[in-house]
C-alpha atoms as a PDB file:
ATOM      1  CA  MET A   1     103.323  97.342  66.212  1.00  0.00           C
ATOM      2  CA  ILE A   2     100.545  97.582  64.267  1.00  0.00           C
ATOM      3  CA  ALA A   3      97.127  98.790  65.614  1.00  0.00           C
ATOM      4  CA  ASP A   4      93.750  99.641  64.036  1.00  0.00           C
ATOM      5  CA  ILE A   5      91.934 102.457  65.391  1.00  0.00           C
ATOM      6  CA  ARG A   6      88.080 103.113  64.859  1.00  0.00           C
ATOM      7  CA  GLU A   7      86.296 106.353  66.163  1.00  0.00           C
ATOM      8  CA  ILE A   8      83.006 106.265  67.871  1.00  0.00           C
ATOM      9  CA  PRO A   9      80.721 109.506  67.564  1.00  0.00           C
ATOM     10  CA  LEU A  10      79.862 109.973  70.997  1.00  0.00           C
ATOM     11  CA  ALA A  11      78.396 113.382  71.685  1.00  0.00           C
ATOM     12  CA  GLU A  12      77.635 116.881  69.584  1.00  0.00           C
ATOM     13  CA  PRO A  13      81.085 118.751  68.539  1.00  0.00           C
ATOM     14  CA  GLY A  14      81.896 120.838  71.270  1.00  0.00           C
ATOM     15  CA  ALA A  15      80.593 118.297  74.486  1.00  0.00           C
ATOM     16  CA  GLY A  16      84.621 118.146  74.709  1.00  0.00           C
ATOM     17  CA  PRO A  17      84.953 113.820  76.014  1.00  0.00           C
ATOM     18  CA  TYR A  18      87.784 114.530  78.854  1.00  0.00           C
ATOM     19  CA  GLY A  19      88.006 111.947  80.822  1.00  0.00           C
ATOM     20  CA  ILE A  20      86.816 108.013  80.159  1.00  0.00           C
ATOM     21  CA  THR A  21      87.135 105.271  82.943  1.00  0.00           C
ATOM     22  CA  VAL A  22      85.545 101.709  82.761  1.00  0.00           C
ATOM     23  CA  GLY A  23      82.648 101.304  85.074  1.00  0.00           C
ATOM     24  CA  PRO A  24      81.343  98.567  87.296  1.00  0.00           C
ATOM     25  CA  ASP A  25      78.858  97.393  84.882  1.00  0.00           C
ATOM     26  CA  GLY A  26      81.178  97.499  81.635  1.00  0.00           C
ATOM     27  CA  ALA A  27      80.030 100.541  80.411  1.00  0.00           C
ATOM     28  CA  LEU A  28      82.596 102.952  79.529  1.00  0.00           C
ATOM     29  CA  TRP A  29      81.937 106.258  81.781  1.00  0.00           C
ATOM     30  CA  LEU A  30      83.458 109.781  80.285  1.00  0.00           C
ATOM     31  CA  THR A  31      83.463 113.398  81.619  1.00  0.00           C
ATOM     32  CA  LEU A  32      81.790 115.860  78.987  1.00  0.00           C
ATOM     33  CA  VAL A  33      84.085 119.531  80.414  1.00  0.00           C
ATOM     34  CA  HIS A  34      82.059 121.566  77.789  1.00  0.00           C
ATOM     35  CA  ALA A  35      79.096 119.995  77.641  1.00  0.00           C
ATOM     36  CA  GLY A  36      78.993 119.915  81.655  1.00  0.00           C
ATOM     37  CA  ALA A  37      77.661 116.338  81.944  1.00  0.00           C
ATOM     38  CA  VAL A  38      79.057 112.145  81.898  1.00  0.00           C
ATOM     39  CA  ALA A  39      78.298 110.167  79.487  1.00  0.00           C
ATOM     40  CA  ARG A  40      77.397 106.366  78.902  1.00  0.00           C
ATOM     41  CA  LEU A  41      78.750 103.993  76.386  1.00  0.00           C
ATOM     42  CA  GLY A  42      76.832 100.498  77.078  1.00  0.00           C
ATOM     43  CA  PRO A  43      78.698  97.298  75.930  1.00  0.00           C
ATOM     44  CA  ASP A  44      75.767  97.180  73.068  1.00  0.00           C
ATOM     45  CA  GLY A  45      76.686 100.770  71.765  1.00  0.00           C
ATOM     46  CA  ALA A  46      73.995 102.775  73.463  1.00  0.00           C
ATOM     47  CA  VAL A  47      75.004 106.515  74.992  1.00  0.00           C
ATOM     48  CA  GLN A  48      73.072 107.752  77.591  1.00  0.00           C
ATOM     49  CA  THR A  49      73.934 111.290  78.494  1.00  0.00           C
ATOM     50  CA  TYR A  50      73.444 112.724  82.090  1.00  0.00           C
ATOM     51  CA  PRO A  51      73.911 116.831  82.578  1.00  0.00           C
ATOM     52  CA  LEU A  52      75.522 117.321  85.657  1.00  0.00           C
ATOM     53  CA  ASP A  53      73.047 117.847  88.894  1.00  0.00           C
ATOM     54  CA  PRO A  54      73.527 120.400  90.307  1.00  0.00           C
ATOM     55  CA  ALA A  55      74.412 122.045  86.932  1.00  0.00           C
ATOM     56  CA  GLY A  56      77.665 124.486  86.399  1.00  0.00           C
ATOM     57  CA  GLY A  57      80.803 122.394  86.604  1.00  0.00           C
ATOM     58  CA  ARG A  58      83.270 120.914  84.205  1.00  0.00           C
ATOM     59  CA  PRO A  59      83.584 117.615  84.840  1.00  0.00           C
ATOM     60  CA  LEU A  60      86.997 116.377  84.691  1.00  0.00           C
ATOM     61  CA  ILE A  61      88.795 113.344  85.846  1.00  0.00           C
ATOM     62  CA  ILE A  62      86.354 110.107  86.183  1.00  0.00           C
ATOM     63  CA  THR A  63      86.946 106.591  88.157  1.00  0.00           C
ATOM     64  CA  ALA A  64      84.621 103.586  89.881  1.00  0.00           C
ATOM     65  CA  GLY A  65      84.294 103.579  93.001  1.00  0.00           C
ATOM     66  CA  PRO A  66      84.826 101.182  95.752  1.00  0.00           C
ATOM     67  CA  ASP A  67      81.022 101.775  96.350  1.00  0.00           C
ATOM     68  CA  GLY A  68      79.712 100.331  92.844  1.00  0.00           C
ATOM     69  CA  ALA A  69      79.379 104.114  91.308  1.00  0.00           C
ATOM     70  CA  LEU A  70      81.062 106.446  89.516  1.00  0.00           C
ATOM     71  CA  TRP A  71      83.083 109.456  90.929  1.00  0.00           C
ATOM     72  CA  PHE A  72      84.465 112.268  89.225  1.00  0.00           C
ATOM     73  CA  THR A  73      85.977 115.709  90.026  1.00  0.00           C
ATOM     74  CA  ARG A  74      84.230 119.025  89.226  1.00  0.00           C
ATOM     75  CA  SER A  75      86.810 121.858  88.526  1.00  0.00           C
ATOM     76  CA  GLY A  76      83.909 124.731  87.938  1.00  0.00           C
ATOM     77  CA  ASP A  77      82.327 124.753  90.931  1.00  0.00           C
ATOM     78  CA  ASP A  78      84.552 123.009  93.634  1.00  0.00           C
ATOM     79  CA  ARG A  79      82.370 119.481  93.674  1.00  0.00           C
ATOM     80  CA  ILE A  80      83.343 116.332  93.944  1.00  0.00           C
ATOM     81  CA  GLY A  81      80.496 114.265  91.349  1.00  0.00           C
ATOM     82  CA  ARG A  82      79.107 110.842  91.954  1.00  0.00           C
ATOM     83  CA  ILE A  83      76.725 109.393  89.878  1.00  0.00           C
ATOM     84  CA  THR A  84      75.331 105.547  90.041  1.00  0.00           C
ATOM     85  CA  VAL A  85      74.909 103.205  86.980  1.00  0.00           C
ATOM     86  CA  ASP A  86      71.836 104.037  86.702  1.00  0.00           C
ATOM     87  CA  GLY A  87      72.458 107.417  86.864  1.00  0.00           C
ATOM     88  CA  GLU A  88      71.451 109.137  90.141  1.00  0.00           C
ATOM     89  CA  GLN A  89      73.653 112.466  90.930  1.00  0.00           C
ATOM     90  CA  ASP A  90      74.777 113.584  94.336  1.00  0.00           C
ATOM     91  CA  THR A  91      77.551 115.634  95.161  1.00  0.00           C
ATOM     92  CA  VAL A  92      80.462 116.713  97.474  1.00  0.00           C
ATOM     93  CA  ALA A  93      80.961 120.508  98.197  1.00  0.00           C
ATOM     94  CA  LEU A  94      85.113 120.965  98.889  1.00  0.00           C
ATOM     95  CA  PRO A  95      86.302 124.426  99.765  1.00  0.00           C
ATOM     96  CA  ALA A  96      85.954 127.321  97.025  1.00  0.00           C
ATOM     97  CA  GLY A  97      89.160 127.743  94.764  1.00  0.00           C
ATOM     98  CA  THR A  98      89.829 124.140  95.454  1.00  0.00           C
ATOM     99  CA  GLY A  99      90.181 123.133  91.577  1.00  0.00           C
ATOM    100  CA  PRO A 100      89.741 119.127  91.610  1.00  0.00           C
ATOM    101  CA  GLY A 101      91.301 117.532  88.624  1.00  0.00           C
ATOM    102  CA  GLY A 102      92.901 114.277  88.879  1.00  0.00           C
ATOM    103  CA  ILE A 103      90.731 111.784  90.967  1.00  0.00           C
ATOM    104  CA  ALA A 104      91.757 108.043  92.393  1.00  0.00           C
ATOM    105  CA  VAL A 105      90.424 105.356  94.790  1.00  0.00           C
ATOM    106  CA  GLY A 106      93.018 105.017  97.590  1.00  0.00           C
ATOM    107  CA  PRO A 107      94.440 102.009  99.226  1.00  0.00           C
ATOM    108  CA  ASP A 108      92.366 103.168 102.424  1.00  0.00           C
ATOM    109  CA  GLY A 109      88.928 102.746 100.052  1.00  0.00           C
ATOM    110  CA  ALA A 110      88.616 106.638 100.071  1.00  0.00           C
ATOM    111  CA  LEU A 111      88.612 108.602  97.190  1.00  0.00           C
ATOM    112  CA  TRP A 112      91.510 110.757  96.513  1.00  0.00           C
ATOM    113  CA  TYR A 113      91.640 114.057  94.534  1.00  0.00           C
ATOM    114  CA  ALA A 114      94.838 116.949  93.088  1.00  0.00           C
ATOM    115  CA  GLY A 115      93.823 120.347  94.144  1.00  0.00           C
ATOM    116  CA  MET A 116      94.933 122.190  91.177  1.00  0.00           C
ATOM    117  CA  THR A 117      94.598 125.959  92.374  1.00  0.00           C
ATOM    118  CA  SER A 118      94.650 125.556  95.987  1.00  0.00           C
ATOM    119  CA  ASP A 119      97.678 123.525  96.611  1.00  0.00           C
ATOM    120  CA  THR A 120      96.232 120.941  98.292  1.00  0.00           C
ATOM    121  CA  ILE A 121      95.385 116.846  97.601  1.00  0.00           C
ATOM    122  CA  GLY A 122      92.341 115.931  99.330  1.00  0.00           C
ATOM    123  CA  ARG A 123      90.401 112.771 100.565  1.00  0.00           C
ATOM    124  CA  VAL A 124      86.677 112.334 100.177  1.00  0.00           C
ATOM    125  CA  ASP A 125      84.885 108.959 101.954  1.00  0.00           C
ATOM    126  CA  VAL A 126      82.044 107.446 100.232  1.00  0.00           C
ATOM    127  CA  ASP A 127      79.752 108.698 102.743  1.00  0.00           C
ATOM    128  CA  GLY A 128      80.810 112.358 102.061  1.00  0.00           C
ATOM    129  CA  SER A 129      83.264 112.978 105.084  1.00  0.00           C
ATOM    130  CA  LEU A 130      86.386 115.263 103.563  1.00  0.00           C
ATOM    131  CA  ALA A 131      89.573 116.466 104.600  1.00  0.00           C
ATOM    132  CA  SER A 132      92.188 117.962 102.642  1.00  0.00           C
ATOM    133  CA  PHE A 133      96.014 118.127 103.545  1.00  0.00           C
ATOM    134  CA  PRO A 134      98.192 121.216 102.112  1.00  0.00           C
ATOM    135  CA  LEU A 135     101.168 120.847  99.950  1.00  0.00           C
ATOM    136  CA  PRO A 136     104.195 122.776 100.578  1.00  0.00           C
ATOM    137  CA  VAL A 137     104.604 124.135  97.550  1.00  0.00           C
ATOM    138  CA  THR A 138     103.087 127.773  96.159  1.00  0.00           C
ATOM    139  CA  GLY A 139     101.352 127.690  92.952  1.00  0.00           C
ATOM    140  CA  GLY A 140     101.761 123.971  91.991  1.00  0.00           C
ATOM    141  CA  PHE A 141      98.968 122.854  89.659  1.00  0.00           C
ATOM    142  CA  ALA A 142      98.572 119.120  91.827  1.00  0.00           C
ATOM    143  CA  SER A 143      96.926 117.718  88.088  1.00  0.00           C
ATOM    144  CA  MET A 144      96.975 113.959  88.191  1.00  0.00           C
ATOM    145  CA  ILE A 145      97.022 111.279  91.450  1.00  0.00           C
ATOM    146  CA  THR A 146      96.865 107.427  91.149  1.00  0.00           C
ATOM    147  CA  ALA A 147      97.673 105.364  94.000  1.00  0.00           C
ATOM    148  CA  GLY A 148     100.971 103.808  94.064  1.00  0.00           C
ATOM    149  CA  PRO A 149     102.189 100.368  95.108  1.00  0.00           C
ATOM    150  CA  ASP A 150     103.270 101.542  98.755  1.00  0.00           C
ATOM    151  CA  GLN A 151     100.410 102.985 100.529  1.00  0.00           C
ATOM    152  CA  ALA A 152     100.394 106.203  99.043  1.00  0.00           C
ATOM    153  CA  LEU A 153      98.906 108.334  96.406  1.00  0.00           C
ATOM    154  CA  TRP A 154     101.286 109.863  94.069  1.00  0.00           C
ATOM    155  CA  PHE A 155     100.733 112.803  92.064  1.00  0.00           C
ATOM    156  CA  THR A 156     102.007 115.206  89.670  1.00  0.00           C
ATOM    157  CA  LEU A 157     102.893 118.910  90.246  1.00  0.00           C
ATOM    158  CA  ASN A 158     102.218 120.500  86.686  1.00  0.00           C
ATOM    159  CA  GLN A 159     103.931 123.995  87.620  1.00  0.00           C
ATOM    160  CA  ALA A 160     106.141 122.863  90.226  1.00  0.00           C
ATOM    161  CA  ASN A 161     107.522 120.599  88.276  1.00  0.00           C
ATOM    162  CA  ALA A 162     107.934 117.508  90.372  1.00  0.00           C
ATOM    163  CA  ILE A 163     106.155 114.329  91.380  1.00  0.00           C
ATOM    164  CA  GLY A 164     104.995 114.145  94.725  1.00  0.00           C
ATOM    165  CA  ARG A 165     103.665 111.026  97.229  1.00  0.00           C
ATOM    166  CA  ILE A 166     101.160 111.184  99.805  1.00  0.00           C
ATOM    167  CA  ASP A 167     100.640 108.798 102.599  1.00  0.00           C
ATOM    168  CA  LEU A 168      97.550 108.212 104.436  1.00  0.00           C
ATOM    169  CA  THR A 169      98.254 110.803 107.229  1.00  0.00           C
ATOM    170  CA  GLY A 170      98.864 113.648 104.696  1.00  0.00           C
ATOM    171  CA  ALA A 171     102.427 112.969 105.180  1.00  0.00           C
ATOM    172  CA  VAL A 172     103.570 114.790 101.568  1.00  0.00           C
ATOM    173  CA  THR A 173     107.082 113.823 100.256  1.00  0.00           C
ATOM    174  CA  LEU A 174     108.195 116.250  96.624  1.00  0.00           C
ATOM    175  CA  HIS A 175     110.590 115.098  94.040  1.00  0.00           C
ATOM    176  CA  PRO A 176     112.147 117.473  91.455  1.00  0.00           C
ATOM    177  CA  LEU A 177     111.664 116.214  88.045  1.00  0.00           C
ATOM    178  CA  PRO A 178     115.484 116.457  86.232  1.00  0.00           C
ATOM    179  CA  THR A 179     114.137 118.085  83.274  1.00  0.00           C
ATOM    180  CA  ALA A 180     113.610 121.507  83.887  1.00  0.00           C
ATOM    181  CA  ASN A 181     110.030 123.101  83.266  1.00  0.00           C
ATOM    182  CA  ALA A 182     108.868 119.365  82.238  1.00  0.00           C
ATOM    183  CA  GLY A 183     104.968 120.090  82.946  1.00  0.00           C
ATOM    184  CA  PRO A 184     104.405 116.900  84.444  1.00  0.00           C
ATOM    185  CA  VAL A 185     100.354 115.536  83.894  1.00  0.00           C
ATOM    186  CA  GLY A 186      99.523 112.418  83.696  1.00  0.00           C
ATOM    187  CA  ILE A 187     100.507 109.441  86.228  1.00  0.00           C
ATOM    188  CA  THR A 188      99.907 105.878  86.439  1.00  0.00           C
ATOM    189  CA  LEU A 189     101.270 102.901  88.618  1.00  0.00           C
ATOM    190  CA  GLY A 190     102.964 100.329  86.316  1.00  0.00           C
ATOM    191  CA  GLY A 191     103.434  96.922  85.903  1.00  0.00           C
ATOM    192  CA  ASP A 192     106.899  96.862  86.898  1.00  0.00           C
ATOM    193  CA  GLY A 193     105.832  98.270  90.768  1.00  0.00           C
ATOM    194  CA  ALA A 194     106.788 102.102  89.726  1.00  0.00           C
ATOM    195  CA  LEU A 195     105.053 105.093  88.470  1.00  0.00           C
ATOM    196  CA  TRP A 196     105.260 105.933  85.032  1.00  0.00           C
ATOM    197  CA  PHE A 197     103.941 109.735  83.942  1.00  0.00           C
ATOM    198  CA  VAL A 198     104.022 112.154  81.037  1.00  0.00           C
ATOM    199  CA  GLU A 199     105.886 115.215  80.770  1.00  0.00           C
ATOM    200  CA  ILE A 200     103.901 117.548  78.461  1.00  0.00           C
ATOM    201  CA  THR A 201     106.218 119.930  77.580  1.00  0.00           C
ATOM    202  CA  ALA A 202     109.388 117.881  77.519  1.00  0.00           C
ATOM    203  CA  GLY A 203     107.672 115.417  75.383  1.00  0.00           C
ATOM    204  CA  GLN A 204     108.887 112.958  77.916  1.00  0.00           C
ATOM    205  CA  LEU A 205     107.871 109.965  79.938  1.00  0.00           C
ATOM    206  CA  GLY A 206     108.703 109.618  83.167  1.00  0.00           C
ATOM    207  CA  ARG A 207     109.201 106.831  85.301  1.00  0.00           C
ATOM    208  CA  ILE A 208     109.895 107.051  89.659  1.00  0.00           C
ATOM    209  CA  THR A 209     110.565 104.213  92.072  1.00  0.00           C
ATOM    210  CA  PRO A 210     108.857 104.451  95.324  1.00  0.00           C
ATOM    211  CA  ASP A 211     112.220 105.150  96.889  1.00  0.00           C
ATOM    212  CA  GLY A 212     112.327 108.359  94.492  1.00  0.00           C
ATOM    213  CA  ARG A 213     114.488 107.439  91.595  1.00  0.00           C
ATOM    214  CA  ILE A 214     113.557 109.138  88.537  1.00  0.00           C
ATOM    215  CA  ASP A 215     114.425 108.374  85.259  1.00  0.00           C
ATOM    216  CA  GLU A 216     112.661 109.985  82.030  1.00  0.00           C
ATOM    217  CA  PHE A 217     112.781 108.991  78.377  1.00  0.00           C
ATOM    218  CA  PRO A 218     112.427 111.600  74.918  1.00  0.00           C
ATOM    219  CA  LEU A 219     109.756 110.830  73.404  1.00  0.00           C
ATOM    220  CA  PRO A 220     110.765 110.164  69.286  1.00  0.00           C
ATOM    221  CA  ASP A 221     108.412 113.729  68.653  1.00  0.00           C
ATOM    222  CA  ARG A 222     109.629 115.978  71.457  1.00  0.00           C
ATOM    223  CA  ALA A 223     106.345 118.220  70.589  1.00  0.00           C
ATOM    224  CA  ALA A 224     103.747 115.568  70.776  1.00  0.00           C
ATOM    225  CA  ARG A 225     102.620 116.762  74.050  1.00  0.00           C
ATOM    226  CA  PRO A 226     101.737 113.771  75.707  1.00  0.00           C
ATOM    227  CA  HIS A 227      99.040 113.996  78.352  1.00  0.00           C
ATOM    228  CA  ALA A 228      97.491 110.985  79.546  1.00  0.00           C
ATOM    229  CA  ILE A 229      99.010 107.861  80.423  1.00  0.00           C
ATOM    230  CA  VAL A 230      97.587 104.135  81.291  1.00  0.00           C
ATOM    231  CA  ALA A 231      99.430 100.729  82.090  1.00  0.00           C
ATOM    232  CA  ASP A 232      98.715  97.636  80.015  1.00  0.00           C
ATOM    233  CA  ALA A 233      99.055  94.082  81.376  1.00  0.00           C
ATOM    234  CA  ALA A 234     102.038  93.712  79.091  1.00  0.00           C
ATOM    235  CA  GLY A 235     104.600  95.970  81.437  1.00  0.00           C
ATOM    236  CA  GLY A 236     103.914  98.522  78.789  1.00  0.00           C
ATOM    237  CA  VAL A 237     102.281 102.261  78.731  1.00  0.00           C
ATOM    238  CA  TRP A 238      99.835 103.817  76.440  1.00  0.00           C
ATOM    239  CA  PHE A 239     100.154 107.236  76.326  1.00  0.00           C
ATOM    240  CA  THR A 240      98.140 110.126  74.660  1.00  0.00           C
ATOM    241  CA  GLU A 241      99.918 112.588  72.276  1.00  0.00           C
ATOM    242  CA  TRP A 242      97.529 115.404  72.614  1.00  0.00           C
ATOM    243  CA  GLY A 243      99.930 117.812  70.252  1.00  0.00           C
ATOM    244  CA  ALA A 244     100.435 115.340  67.471  1.00  0.00           C
ATOM    245  CA  ASN A 245      97.255 113.726  67.256  1.00  0.00           C
ATOM    246  CA  ARG A 246      98.269 110.189  68.146  1.00  0.00           C
ATOM    247  CA  ILE A 247      98.190 107.691  70.532  1.00  0.00           C
ATOM    248  CA  GLY A 248     101.754 106.229  71.820  1.00  0.00           C
ATOM    249  CA  HIS A 249     102.767 103.043  73.123  1.00  0.00           C
ATOM    250  CA  ARG A 250     106.081 102.553  75.180  1.00  0.00           C
ATOM    251  CA  ASP A 251     106.747  98.601  75.299  1.00  0.00           C
ATOM    252  CA  GLN A 252     109.106  96.989  78.342  1.00  0.00           C
ATOM    253  CA  SER A 253     111.447  96.330  76.000  1.00  0.00           C
ATOM    254  CA  GLY A 254     111.373 100.600  75.648  1.00  0.00           C
ATOM    255  CA  GLN A 255     110.385 100.540  71.962  1.00  0.00           C
ATOM    256  CA  PHE A 256     108.255 103.568  71.362  1.00  0.00           C
ATOM    257  CA  HIS A 257     105.261 102.692  68.566  1.00  0.00           C
ATOM    258  CA  THR A 258     102.815 105.675  67.756  1.00  0.00           C
ATOM    259  CA  HIS A 259      99.462 105.346  65.834  1.00  0.00           C
ATOM    260  CA  ASP A 260      97.612 108.265  64.068  1.00  0.00           C
ATOM    261  CA  LEU A 261      94.089 109.221  65.439  1.00  0.00           C
ATOM    262  CA  PRO A 262      91.639 108.776  61.973  1.00  0.00           C
ATOM    263  CA  THR A 263      90.587 112.430  62.103  1.00  0.00           C
ATOM    264  CA  PRO A 264      92.354 115.974  62.275  1.00  0.00           C
ATOM    265  CA  ASN A 265      92.747 117.839  65.055  1.00  0.00           C
ATOM    266  CA  ALA A 266      90.947 114.902  67.505  1.00  0.00           C
ATOM    267  CA  GLU A 267      92.443 116.030  70.990  1.00  0.00           C
ATOM    268  CA  PRO A 268      93.150 113.186  72.576  1.00  0.00           C
ATOM    269  CA  HIS A 269      92.556 113.161  76.408  1.00  0.00           C
ATOM    270  CA  GLY A 270      91.743 110.552  78.636  1.00  0.00           C
ATOM    271  CA  LEU A 271      92.894 106.492  78.271  1.00  0.00           C
ATOM    272  CA  THR A 272      91.455 103.665  79.926  1.00  0.00           C
ATOM    273  CA  VAL A 273      92.054  99.815  79.430  1.00  0.00           C
ATOM    274  CA  THR A 274      89.866  97.641  79.871  1.00  0.00           C
ATOM    275  CA  PRO A 275      89.858  94.198  82.074  1.00  0.00           C
ATOM    276  CA  GLU A 276      90.291  92.563  78.414  1.00  0.00           C
ATOM    277  CA  GLY A 277      92.647  94.730  77.080  1.00  0.00           C
ATOM    278  CA  ALA A 278      90.889  96.978  74.699  1.00  0.00           C
ATOM    279  CA  LEU A 279      92.451 100.165  74.672  1.00  0.00           C
ATOM    280  CA  TRP A 280      89.644 103.215  74.512  1.00  0.00           C
ATOM    281  CA  ALA A 281      90.638 107.734  74.487  1.00  0.00           C
ATOM    282  CA  ALA A 282      88.228 110.044  74.926  1.00  0.00           C
ATOM    283  CA  LEU A 283      88.440 112.805  72.068  1.00  0.00           C
ATOM    284  CA  GLU A 284      87.601 116.146  72.547  1.00  0.00           C
ATOM    285  CA  ILE A 285      86.597 116.483  69.095  1.00  0.00           C
ATOM    286  CA  GLY A 286      83.123 114.358  70.526  1.00  0.00           C
ATOM    287  CA  ALA A 287      84.214 110.773  69.889  1.00  0.00           C
ATOM    288  CA  ILE A 288      86.067 107.942  71.431  1.00  0.00           C
ATOM    289  CA  ALA A 289      88.727 105.863  69.402  1.00  0.00           C
ATOM    290  CA  HIS A 290      88.881 102.340  70.393  1.00  0.00           C
ATOM    291  CA  LEU A 291      92.391 100.656  69.631  1.00  0.00           C
ATOM    292  CA  THR A 292      92.965  96.990  68.639  1.00  0.00           C
ATOM    293  CA  VAL A 293      96.825  95.827  68.269  1.00  0.00           C
ATOM    294  CA  THR A 294      96.829  93.398  65.270  1.00  0.00           C
ATOM    295  CA  SER A 295     100.139  92.334  65.115  1.00  0.00           C
ATOM    296  CA  PRO A 296     102.711  92.799  68.259  1.00  0.00           C
ATOM    297  CA  GLY A 297     105.866  93.601  65.409  1.00  0.00           C
END
């Protein structure tokens, strides 16, 4: 596979682009974790930055909601933020100490989030009503979350070394990983109906089926520290190699391909694939990367 990578400056150095998603307006929306802001990159290339209102949070993961707005986690002040495509903001206050990380739209049309420092998974309706479900672990560090194919949400437990499943009633099932201290982080629903995740400390990809079968796939570079993962339309998955300054890909046949970022120490984090199939990555140095595959071989 041959790919072309173009980096686009988005914010001042140190702003910290982290999470990224495609909005309902066709723009790219990102969290600026260090600057305490949300940014929008329009199809015309125009960049708008919206400081958090109220100030004080560290925005992490952002997703398009079912209501035409963007929803994001604020880990610094225990809130879920909401921003319209016109930049209007409001928040939902969570219990103190929640530490929200990942966020995803569930099959019920609500926003579900992972409570990193509270051993909880939470649910927020678009009207702001809130529910929280305790996890059967202590210090598990629930990190990222995604909707599965089975009317449930699936999430990573970075410190408990497990993948969790929570149904819409709040019932939780945990699946321990075969590799000790693997450190799962990003998770996504693959085109094959399984959940794919990254193991940042083990240097592996993982795959879990809805019935709980787990397979692990070592990366060519076990020290690459994979962080985020997203599925593509061809049955493969893209992932960031945070420790190696690369974007990686595993295709449907199991072949791995890696692509070096032009700027050293760019710190790639979140990924998103547009409806047209374009891949974008948030780079903590203050930019985003656009990867275009020029040859599938």
